[in-house]
Amino acid sequence: MNQAIQFSDREEWNASMQAVCFPALVNGMQVICAIKGDVLAQRYGGETPEQYLALFRDYRWDLEEEAEQLIRQQAEDAQGVVWLS
């Protein structure tokens, strides 16, 4: 499947999800991608939402590449969120 996937620099901490959420446009449709704070902590360190956002920004290209692969695999959950694990 040939999908046009674009990411923007609009990541944010979602307290209810305990995750950094970041949007992607897939063929013009918005998809929300997310990575839990504890997953970021396991991978890169960090203990606070501010640190998780900073780590996301530091590793943005790798995380977006991972999200792109999951989007291509249509790995959304029931709510339409693509979770990086």
N, C-alpha and C. Protein backbone atom coordinates (compact mmCIF):
# COMPACT_ATOMS: atom_id res chain seq x y z
N MET A 1 0.84 -1.16 0.00
CA MET A 1 0.00 0.00 0.00
C MET A 1 0.89 1.24 0.00
N ASN A 2 0.64 2.17 -0.89
CA ASN A 2 1.43 3.39 -0.99
C ASN A 2 0.71 4.51 -0.26
N GLN A 3 1.17 4.83 0.94
CA GLN A 3 0.53 5.86 1.74
C GLN A 3 1.47 7.05 1.88
N ALA A 4 0.91 8.23 1.75
CA ALA A 4 1.66 9.45 2.03
C ALA A 4 1.49 9.75 3.52
N ILE A 5 2.59 9.73 4.26
CA ILE A 5 2.56 9.94 5.71
C ILE A 5 3.43 11.13 6.04
N GLN A 6 2.84 12.09 6.75
CA GLN A 6 3.57 13.29 7.15
C GLN A 6 3.37 13.51 8.64
N PHE A 7 4.44 13.91 9.31
CA PHE A 7 4.39 14.21 10.74
C PHE A 7 4.60 15.70 10.94
N SER A 8 3.93 16.25 11.94
CA SER A 8 4.13 17.66 12.28
C SER A 8 4.85 17.74 13.62
N ASP A 9 5.28 18.94 13.97
CA ASP A 9 5.98 19.15 15.24
C ASP A 9 5.00 19.59 16.32
N ARG A 10 3.91 18.85 16.50
CA ARG A 10 2.88 19.23 17.46
C ARG A 10 2.70 18.17 18.54
N GLU A 11 3.79 17.64 19.04
CA GLU A 11 3.69 16.64 20.09
C GLU A 11 3.25 17.30 21.40
N GLU A 12 2.58 16.52 22.23
CA GLU A 12 2.15 17.02 23.53
C GLU A 12 2.04 15.87 24.52
N TRP A 13 2.15 16.21 25.79
CA TRP A 13 1.95 15.23 26.84
C TRP A 13 0.46 15.12 27.11
N ASN A 14 -0.08 13.91 27.08
CA ASN A 14 -1.48 13.66 27.39
C ASN A 14 -1.52 12.96 28.75
N ALA A 15 -1.95 13.70 29.76
CA ALA A 15 -1.91 13.18 31.13
C ALA A 15 -2.84 11.98 31.31
N SER A 16 -3.99 12.00 30.68
CA SER A 16 -4.92 10.88 30.86
C SER A 16 -4.39 9.59 30.22
N MET A 17 -3.63 9.73 29.14
CA MET A 17 -3.05 8.56 28.47
C MET A 17 -1.66 8.24 29.02
N GLN A 18 -1.08 9.19 29.80
CA GLN A 18 0.28 9.05 30.30
C GLN A 18 1.25 8.78 29.15
N ALA A 19 1.10 9.60 28.09
CA ALA A 19 1.87 9.36 26.87
C ALA A 19 2.14 10.68 26.15
N VAL A 20 3.22 10.67 25.37
CA VAL A 20 3.47 11.73 24.41
C VAL A 20 2.67 11.35 23.17
N CYS A 21 1.79 12.25 22.74
CA CYS A 21 0.97 12.03 21.56
C CYS A 21 1.44 12.95 20.45
N PHE A 22 1.46 12.44 19.24
CA PHE A 22 1.88 13.25 18.11
C PHE A 22 1.08 12.85 16.88
N PRO A 23 0.62 13.87 16.12
CA PRO A 23 -0.24 13.58 14.97
C PRO A 23 0.56 13.23 13.72
N ALA A 24 -0.09 12.44 12.88
CA ALA A 24 0.43 12.15 11.54
C ALA A 24 -0.72 12.34 10.56
N LEU A 25 -0.39 12.82 9.39
CA LEU A 25 -1.37 12.88 8.31
C LEU A 25 -1.10 11.71 7.38
N VAL A 26 -2.12 10.89 7.20
CA VAL A 26 -2.01 9.72 6.33
C VAL A 26 -3.03 9.91 5.21
N ASN A 27 -2.52 10.22 4.03
CA ASN A 27 -3.39 10.50 2.88
C ASN A 27 -4.46 11.53 3.23
N GLY A 28 -4.05 12.57 3.98
CA GLY A 28 -4.95 13.66 4.33
C GLY A 28 -5.78 13.44 5.58
N MET A 29 -5.74 12.25 6.15
CA MET A 29 -6.51 11.94 7.37
C MET A 29 -5.56 11.98 8.57
N GLN A 30 -6.02 12.61 9.67
CA GLN A 30 -5.18 12.68 10.86
C GLN A 30 -5.25 11.38 11.66
N VAL A 31 -4.09 10.90 12.04
CA VAL A 31 -3.95 9.73 12.90
C VAL A 31 -3.13 10.17 14.11
N ILE A 32 -3.53 9.74 15.29
CA ILE A 32 -2.78 10.06 16.50
C ILE A 32 -1.85 8.89 16.81
N CYS A 33 -0.59 9.22 17.00
CA CYS A 33 0.42 8.24 17.42
C CYS A 33 0.79 8.58 18.87
N ALA A 34 1.18 7.57 19.63
CA ALA A 34 1.49 7.81 21.03
C ALA A 34 2.55 6.84 21.52
N ILE A 35 3.31 7.32 22.50
CA ILE A 35 4.27 6.46 23.20
C ILE A 35 4.19 6.80 24.68
N LYS A 36 4.00 5.79 25.48
CA LYS A 36 3.84 5.97 26.93
C LYS A 36 5.13 6.52 27.54
N GLY A 37 4.95 7.31 28.59
CA GLY A 37 6.09 7.86 29.30
C GLY A 37 7.00 6.78 29.84
N ASP A 38 6.41 5.69 30.35
CA ASP A 38 7.26 4.63 30.90
C ASP A 38 8.06 3.92 29.81
N VAL A 39 7.54 3.88 28.59
CA VAL A 39 8.30 3.30 27.48
C VAL A 39 9.48 4.20 27.13
N LEU A 40 9.24 5.51 27.09
CA LEU A 40 10.35 6.44 26.87
C LEU A 40 11.38 6.32 27.97
N ALA A 41 10.93 6.18 29.22
CA ALA A 41 11.86 6.03 30.34
C ALA A 41 12.70 4.77 30.20
N GLN A 42 12.06 3.67 29.79
CA GLN A 42 12.80 2.41 29.61
C GLN A 42 13.84 2.54 28.50
N ARG A 43 13.47 3.21 27.42
CA ARG A 43 14.38 3.33 26.28
C ARG A 43 15.49 4.34 26.51
N TYR A 44 15.11 5.52 27.04
CA TYR A 44 16.04 6.64 27.03
C TYR A 44 16.27 7.31 28.39
N GLY A 45 15.47 6.96 29.40
CA GLY A 45 15.56 7.64 30.69
C GLY A 45 14.40 8.60 30.86
N GLY A 46 14.54 9.49 31.82
CA GLY A 46 13.49 10.48 32.07
C GLY A 46 12.54 10.03 33.16
N GLU A 47 11.97 11.03 33.84
CA GLU A 47 11.06 10.73 34.94
C GLU A 47 9.83 11.63 34.97
N THR A 48 9.82 12.70 34.19
CA THR A 48 8.71 13.64 34.24
C THR A 48 8.16 13.87 32.83
N PRO A 49 6.93 14.37 32.73
CA PRO A 49 6.39 14.67 31.41
C PRO A 49 7.27 15.63 30.60
N GLU A 50 7.88 16.60 31.25
CA GLU A 50 8.76 17.53 30.55
C GLU A 50 9.97 16.79 29.97
N GLN A 51 10.53 15.87 30.76
CA GLN A 51 11.66 15.09 30.28
C GLN A 51 11.23 14.16 29.14
N TYR A 52 10.04 13.58 29.24
CA TYR A 52 9.56 12.70 28.18
C TYR A 52 9.41 13.46 26.87
N LEU A 53 8.88 14.69 26.94
CA LEU A 53 8.75 15.51 25.74
C LEU A 53 10.12 15.84 25.15
N ALA A 54 11.07 16.17 26.02
CA ALA A 54 12.42 16.47 25.55
C ALA A 54 13.05 15.24 24.90
N LEU A 55 12.86 14.08 25.49
CA LEU A 55 13.40 12.85 24.91
C LEU A 55 12.74 12.54 23.58
N PHE A 56 11.43 12.75 23.51
CA PHE A 56 10.74 12.54 22.23
C PHE A 56 11.37 13.42 21.16
N ARG A 57 11.60 14.68 21.49
CA ARG A 57 12.18 15.60 20.51
C ARG A 57 13.59 15.17 20.11
N ASP A 58 14.36 14.67 21.09
CA ASP A 58 15.72 14.21 20.79
C ASP A 58 15.72 13.01 19.84
N TYR A 59 14.73 12.14 19.99
CA TYR A 59 14.68 10.90 19.22
C TYR A 59 13.54 10.89 18.21
N ARG A 60 13.07 12.08 17.86
CA ARG A 60 11.90 12.24 16.98
C ARG A 60 12.01 11.41 15.70
N TRP A 61 13.13 11.48 15.01
CA TRP A 61 13.22 10.83 13.69
C TRP A 61 13.09 9.31 13.83
N ASP A 62 13.72 8.74 14.85
CA ASP A 62 13.60 7.30 15.06
C ASP A 62 12.17 6.91 15.42
N LEU A 63 11.54 7.70 16.29
CA LEU A 63 10.19 7.39 16.73
C LEU A 63 9.18 7.57 15.59
N GLU A 64 9.36 8.59 14.78
CA GLU A 64 8.47 8.78 13.64
C GLU A 64 8.64 7.66 12.62
N GLU A 65 9.85 7.20 12.44
CA GLU A 65 10.07 6.07 11.53
C GLU A 65 9.37 4.81 12.04
N GLU A 66 9.45 4.59 13.35
CA GLU A 66 8.76 3.46 13.96
C GLU A 66 7.25 3.60 13.79
N ALA A 67 6.73 4.81 14.02
CA ALA A 67 5.30 5.05 13.86
C ALA A 67 4.87 4.83 12.41
N GLU A 68 5.71 5.27 11.47
CA GLU A 68 5.39 5.09 10.05
C GLU A 68 5.24 3.62 9.70
N GLN A 69 6.12 2.79 10.23
CA GLN A 69 6.03 1.35 9.97
C GLN A 69 4.73 0.78 10.55
N LEU A 70 4.36 1.22 11.75
CA LEU A 70 3.12 0.74 12.37
C LEU A 70 1.89 1.22 11.59
N ILE A 71 1.93 2.45 11.10
CA ILE A 71 0.82 2.97 10.30
C ILE A 71 0.67 2.14 9.03
N ARG A 72 1.78 1.83 8.39
CA ARG A 72 1.73 1.02 7.16
C ARG A 72 1.18 -0.38 7.44
N GLN A 73 1.40 -0.87 8.67
CA GLN A 73 0.87 -2.18 9.07
C GLN A 73 -0.56 -2.09 9.58
N GLN A 74 -1.11 -0.87 9.58
CA GLN A 74 -2.47 -0.60 10.08
C GLN A 74 -2.63 -1.12 11.51
N ALA A 75 -1.69 -0.71 12.37
CA ALA A 75 -1.64 -1.20 13.75
C ALA A 75 -2.36 -0.30 14.75
N GLU A 76 -3.46 0.35 14.33
CA GLU A 76 -4.21 1.20 15.23
C GLU A 76 -4.98 0.35 16.23
N ASP A 77 -5.18 0.92 17.45
CA ASP A 77 -6.03 0.23 18.41
C ASP A 77 -7.50 0.56 18.12
N ALA A 78 -8.40 0.11 18.99
CA ALA A 78 -9.84 0.29 18.76
C ALA A 78 -10.24 1.77 18.71
N GLN A 79 -9.44 2.65 19.34
CA GLN A 79 -9.73 4.08 19.33
C GLN A 79 -9.02 4.80 18.17
N GLY A 80 -8.30 4.05 17.37
CA GLY A 80 -7.61 4.64 16.22
C GLY A 80 -6.23 5.19 16.54
N VAL A 81 -5.69 4.89 17.72
CA VAL A 81 -4.36 5.38 18.12
C VAL A 81 -3.32 4.35 17.73
N VAL A 82 -2.21 4.84 17.20
CA VAL A 82 -1.07 3.98 16.88
C VAL A 82 -0.09 4.09 18.05
N TRP A 83 0.09 3.00 18.78
CA TRP A 83 0.94 2.98 19.97
C TRP A 83 2.31 2.42 19.63
N LEU A 84 3.35 3.16 20.00
CA LEU A 84 4.71 2.65 19.92
C LEU A 84 4.99 1.93 21.22
N SER A 85 5.61 0.76 21.13
CA SER A 85 5.88 0.01 22.37
C SER A 85 7.36 -0.30 22.52
